[in-house]
Protein backbone atom coordinates (compact mmCIF):
# COMPACT_ATOMS: atom_id res chain seq x y z
CA MET A 1 -8.14 17.32 14.56
CA GLN A 2 -9.83 19.40 11.89
CA MET A 3 -8.10 20.93 8.88
CA GLY A 4 -8.69 24.23 7.10
CA THR A 5 -10.71 24.63 3.91
CA LYS A 6 -7.67 24.43 1.62
CA ALA A 7 -6.39 21.30 3.33
CA ARG A 8 -9.87 19.78 3.16
CA ARG A 9 -9.99 20.32 -0.60
CA GLN A 10 -6.57 18.72 -0.97
CA ALA A 11 -7.74 15.72 1.07
CA ASP A 12 -10.82 15.09 -1.08
CA ALA A 13 -8.97 12.90 -3.61
CA LEU A 14 -9.37 9.16 -3.15
CA PRO A 15 -7.44 6.36 -4.84
CA SER A 16 -9.09 4.95 -7.91
CA PRO A 17 -10.46 1.47 -7.21
CA GLU A 18 -8.69 0.32 -10.38
CA ALA A 19 -5.37 1.44 -8.87
CA ILE A 20 -5.67 -0.91 -5.88
CA ASP A 21 -3.72 -4.14 -6.34
CA VAL A 22 -5.19 -6.39 -3.66
CA LYS A 23 -2.26 -8.80 -4.03
CA ARG A 24 0.14 -6.09 -2.85
CA THR A 25 -2.10 -4.07 -0.53
CA ALA A 26 -3.13 -4.70 3.06
CA LEU A 27 -6.62 -3.25 3.53
CA LEU A 28 -7.10 -2.17 7.16
CA LEU A 29 -10.61 -1.02 7.98
CA ASP A 30 -12.04 0.62 11.07
CA VAL A 31 -15.59 -0.53 11.76
CA ASP A 32 -17.90 1.95 13.54
CA GLY A 33 -18.22 5.17 11.58
CA THR A 34 -16.12 3.76 8.73
CA LEU A 35 -17.63 0.51 7.47
CA LEU A 36 -20.83 0.88 9.49
CA ASP A 37 -23.07 3.89 10.02
CA ILE A 38 -23.04 5.21 13.57
CA ALA A 39 -26.14 4.08 15.48
CA ALA A 40 -27.86 5.34 18.63
CA THR A 41 -26.17 2.61 20.68
CA PRO A 42 -23.21 0.30 19.94
CA TYR A 43 -25.62 -2.64 19.96
CA SER A 44 -27.93 -1.27 17.29
CA VAL A 45 -25.53 -0.96 14.37
CA ILE A 46 -26.50 -2.71 11.16
CA VAL A 47 -24.11 -4.73 8.99
CA PRO A 48 -25.49 -4.76 5.43
CA PRO A 49 -25.46 -8.29 3.94
CA SER A 50 -23.75 -6.85 0.86
CA LEU A 51 -20.83 -5.70 3.04
CA ARG A 52 -20.24 -9.23 4.31
CA LYS A 53 -20.13 -10.44 0.71
CA ILE A 54 -17.70 -7.70 -0.34
CA LEU A 55 -15.35 -8.28 2.59
CA SER A 56 -15.43 -12.04 2.06
CA GLY A 57 -14.58 -11.55 -1.60
CA LEU A 58 -11.73 -9.16 -0.86
CA ILE A 59 -10.28 -11.50 1.77
CA GLU A 60 -10.29 -14.31 -0.77
CA LEU A 61 -8.85 -12.28 -3.65
CA SER A 62 -6.16 -10.67 -1.49
CA GLY A 63 -5.00 -13.94 0.02
CA GLY A 64 -6.27 -12.90 3.45
CA ALA A 65 -4.79 -9.41 3.73
CA VAL A 66 -7.95 -7.57 4.81
CA ALA A 67 -8.35 -6.78 8.52
CA LEU A 68 -10.95 -5.12 10.69
CA VAL A 69 -9.41 -2.63 13.15
CA SER A 70 -11.75 -1.81 16.02
CA GLY A 71 -12.24 -0.84 19.62
CA ARG A 72 -14.72 -3.71 19.83
CA THR A 73 -13.44 -7.12 20.88
CA ILE A 74 -12.77 -9.69 18.18
CA GLU A 75 -15.53 -11.84 19.66
CA THR A 76 -17.99 -8.97 19.23
CA LEU A 77 -16.81 -8.37 15.65
CA ASP A 78 -17.38 -12.04 14.85
CA GLY A 79 -20.93 -11.74 16.17
CA LEU A 80 -21.64 -8.61 14.15
CA PHE A 81 -20.27 -9.92 10.86
CA ALA A 82 -21.33 -13.57 11.22
CA PRO A 83 -21.05 -15.86 9.37
CA LEU A 84 -18.01 -13.95 8.09
CA THR A 85 -14.84 -14.10 10.14
CA ALA A 86 -11.91 -11.87 9.22
CA PRO A 87 -8.40 -11.04 10.33
CA ALA A 88 -8.89 -8.46 13.05
CA ILE A 89 -7.44 -6.09 15.59
CA GLY A 90 -9.77 -5.75 18.57
CA GLY A 91 -9.92 -3.87 21.84
CA HIS A 92 -8.00 -0.86 20.44
CA GLY A 93 -5.00 -3.10 19.84
CA ALA A 94 -5.22 -5.49 22.79
CA GLU A 95 -6.11 -8.38 20.48
CA ILE A 96 -4.81 -9.45 17.08
CA ARG A 97 -6.02 -12.28 14.87
CA VAL A 98 -3.86 -12.65 11.79
CA SER A 99 -6.04 -15.16 9.95
CA PRO A 100 -9.83 -15.63 9.99
CA HIS A 101 -9.73 -18.90 11.90
CA GLY A 102 -6.37 -18.51 13.62
CA PRO A 103 -5.68 -17.91 17.32
CA LYS A 104 -5.91 -14.50 18.93
CA LEU A 105 -2.70 -12.89 20.08
CA GLN A 106 -3.55 -11.08 23.32
CA TRP A 107 -0.76 -8.82 24.49
CA LEU A 108 -1.86 -7.96 28.01
CA PRO A 109 -4.44 -9.06 30.58
CA PRO A 110 -7.19 -6.56 31.46
CA MET A 111 -5.57 -3.60 33.22
CA ILE A 112 -8.50 -1.36 34.19
CA THR A 113 -9.29 -1.85 37.87
CA GLU A 114 -12.69 -2.79 39.22
CA PRO A 115 -12.88 0.37 41.39
CA LEU A 116 -12.41 2.54 38.29
CA ARG A 117 -14.99 0.53 36.37
CA ARG A 118 -17.49 1.04 39.22
CA GLN A 119 -16.89 4.79 39.19
CA ILE A 120 -17.51 4.96 35.44
CA HIS A 121 -20.71 2.94 35.77
CA LEU A 122 -21.97 5.44 38.34
CA LEU A 123 -21.85 8.16 35.67
CA ALA A 124 -24.77 6.48 33.89
CA ARG A 125 -26.99 7.54 36.76
CA VAL A 126 -26.90 11.14 35.57
CA ASP A 127 -29.15 10.27 32.63
CA PRO A 128 -30.93 7.05 31.62
CA GLN A 129 -29.78 7.67 28.03
CA VAL A 130 -26.09 7.44 29.00
CA LEU A 131 -24.75 3.96 28.29
CA VAL A 132 -21.60 2.41 29.75
CA GLU A 133 -19.99 -0.30 27.61
CA ASP A 134 -17.70 -2.46 29.73
CA LYS A 135 -15.07 -4.31 27.68
CA PRO A 136 -12.14 -6.47 28.81
CA HIS A 137 -9.45 -3.93 27.91
CA SER A 138 -11.34 -0.64 28.04
CA ILE A 139 -14.54 0.99 29.23
CA ALA A 140 -16.63 3.42 27.19
CA VAL A 141 -19.31 5.98 28.01
CA HIS A 142 -21.78 6.49 25.14
CA TYR A 143 -23.97 9.61 25.17
CA ARG A 144 -25.34 9.91 21.62
CA LEU A 145 -28.86 9.98 23.11
CA ALA A 146 -27.82 12.48 25.81
CA LEU A 147 -25.59 15.00 24.02
CA GLN A 148 -26.45 17.64 26.62
CA GLN A 149 -24.36 15.65 29.12
CA GLU A 150 -21.14 15.87 27.08
CA THR A 151 -19.37 18.57 29.12
CA PHE A 152 -20.30 16.95 32.43
CA LEU A 153 -19.17 13.49 31.30
CA MET A 154 -15.86 14.73 29.88
CA LYS A 155 -15.05 16.52 33.13
CA GLU A 156 -16.03 13.59 35.34
CA VAL A 157 -14.15 11.00 33.29
CA ALA A 158 -11.03 13.19 33.33
CA THR A 159 -11.31 13.51 37.12
CA ILE A 160 -11.70 9.77 37.62
CA VAL A 161 -8.71 8.96 35.39
CA SER A 162 -6.57 11.62 37.10
CA ARG A 163 -6.70 9.57 40.31
CA GLU A 164 -4.95 6.65 38.61
CA PRO A 165 -1.12 6.32 38.38
CA PRO A 166 0.14 8.90 35.85
CA GLY A 167 0.65 7.54 32.37
CA ASP A 168 -1.19 4.25 32.88
CA LEU A 169 -4.44 5.19 31.15
CA GLU A 170 -5.55 7.43 28.31
CA ILE A 171 -8.88 8.91 27.33
CA LEU A 172 -10.09 8.65 23.73
CA PHE A 173 -12.84 10.97 22.53
CA GLY A 174 -14.84 9.46 19.70
CA LYS A 175 -18.20 10.37 18.18
CA ALA A 176 -20.43 10.85 21.25
CA VAL A 177 -18.31 8.35 23.16
CA ILE A 178 -15.55 8.66 25.76
CA GLU A 179 -13.31 5.62 26.13
CA ILE A 180 -10.68 4.81 28.74
CA LYS A 181 -7.90 2.36 27.84
CA PRO A 182 -4.36 1.50 28.91
CA THR A 183 -1.58 3.45 27.18
CA LEU A 184 0.56 0.34 26.63
CA PHE A 185 -1.21 -0.61 23.41
CA SER A 186 -3.10 1.13 20.62
CA LYS A 187 -4.52 0.47 17.21
CA GLY A 188 -1.28 1.89 15.82
CA SER A 189 0.98 -0.47 17.76
CA ALA A 190 -1.23 -3.41 16.78
CA VAL A 191 -1.13 -2.49 13.09
CA THR A 192 2.66 -2.31 13.31
CA GLU A 193 2.68 -5.84 14.75
CA LEU A 194 0.11 -7.16 12.26
CA MET A 195 2.22 -5.95 9.35
CA THR A 196 5.07 -8.26 10.41
CA HIS A 197 2.94 -11.38 9.87
CA PRO A 198 2.03 -13.07 6.56
CA PRO A 199 -0.02 -12.35 4.52
CA PHE A 200 0.29 -8.71 5.60
CA ALA A 201 4.09 -8.57 5.71
CA GLY A 202 5.67 -6.93 2.66
CA ARG A 203 2.44 -5.26 1.54
CA VAL A 204 1.48 -1.60 1.44
CA PRO A 205 -1.02 -0.82 4.21
CA LEU A 206 -4.09 1.22 3.31
CA PHE A 207 -6.08 2.25 6.37
CA ILE A 208 -9.51 3.90 6.55
CA GLY A 209 -10.69 5.34 9.89
CA ASP A 210 -12.99 8.02 11.17
CA ASP A 211 -12.10 9.58 14.53
CA MET A 212 -9.56 10.21 17.30
CA THR A 213 -9.38 6.52 18.18
CA ASP A 214 -7.75 5.98 14.77
CA GLU A 215 -5.09 8.69 15.02
CA SER A 216 -2.50 6.23 16.32
CA VAL A 217 -2.78 4.33 13.02
CA PHE A 218 -2.59 7.44 10.86
CA GLY A 219 0.57 8.34 12.78
CA ILE A 220 2.48 5.14 12.01
CA LEU A 221 1.52 4.74 8.35
CA PRO A 222 4.35 6.88 6.91
CA GLY A 223 6.88 4.57 8.55
CA LEU A 224 5.21 1.63 6.81
CA ALA A 225 5.07 3.43 3.44
CA GLY A 226 1.30 3.23 3.72
CA GLY A 227 -1.65 5.55 3.16
CA GLY A 228 -4.50 6.70 5.36
CA TYR A 229 -7.99 7.92 4.54
CA SER A 230 -10.54 9.44 6.90
CA VAL A 231 -14.31 9.46 6.87
CA GLY A 232 -16.37 12.61 7.33
CA GLU A 233 -13.61 14.93 8.55
CA ALA A 234 -10.28 15.56 6.86
CA VAL A 235 -7.50 15.12 9.41
CA ALA A 236 -3.79 15.79 9.32
CA GLY A 237 -1.73 13.14 7.60
CA VAL A 238 -4.45 11.54 5.46
CA GLN A 239 -4.36 11.33 1.68
CA GLY A 240 -8.10 11.63 1.14
CA THR A 241 -11.51 11.73 2.79
CA PHE A 242 -14.64 9.67 2.24
CA ARG A 243 -17.86 11.54 2.94
CA THR A 244 -19.74 8.74 4.73
CA PRO A 245 -19.51 5.01 5.51
CA GLU A 246 -21.83 4.45 2.55
CA HIS A 247 -19.16 5.92 0.29
CA VAL A 248 -16.54 3.65 1.86
CA ARG A 249 -18.73 0.63 1.16
CA ALA A 250 -19.31 1.76 -2.44
CA TRP A 251 -15.56 2.23 -2.95
CA LEU A 252 -14.81 -1.24 -1.56
CA THR A 253 -17.45 -2.67 -3.90
CA GLN A 254 -15.63 -1.10 -6.84
CA VAL A 255 -12.27 -2.43 -5.61
CA TRP A 256 -13.79 -5.90 -5.35
CA SER A 257 -15.40 -5.72 -8.80
CA HIS A 258 -12.19 -4.56 -10.46
CA SER A 259 -10.12 -7.18 -8.65
CA ARG A 260 -12.49 -9.95 -9.75
CA ARG A 261 -12.17 -8.88 -13.37
CA ALA A 262 -8.40 -8.68 -13.09
CA ALA A 263 -8.02 -12.07 -11.39
């Protein structure tokens, strides 16, 4: 969802780190493409040690109101960010963990059928560089190393999903990834739920995301009196745009530094 040049210029402004009151704000952060640089495969991303320190500090200073919001499972997020554990939304909204060491709230059992999963796995045969990531509540086709297969994969995934009951599944197009998930939950619906639980309840949500998989969050923020910021591309409904994940990390570092001085 790209914007014109004028809209892009208007979306360049970002909130001053000094203006963020972590005691009144709920920081909601997408992971891949937002906190972390996109890698060739989902398994080769790198979490800078400094990012773990910053997130840990912000969680402490905010009283726990910092959450990761991801298509990855919470278990996978814990592995990536270890030894840090954080409040999190995983599986595109299928899982919620309100506190770092609290229980996961899982809304629905896995809903993608084994026959559909097998059909998606067959698509990887078209090219050895196509990777299928099979998750409990979704299935993703990664083709960053085989961009020439994009049109073929989009068409085939759409055909496979069209054979399922209408309205049960949706297709999300990310950065060189196509993901299939149930329509009954989303990152947006999970954020809405998260914001009803302490320490998030009563705060102003500030969400940073980077692609189509985050649009459901951008869409619900006005109803929560919150603000949204994109990474890389200015999209409709956001208040500003970070250039890269590195700039997001630098901004969070400044928020943390200011909050420490103000504490």
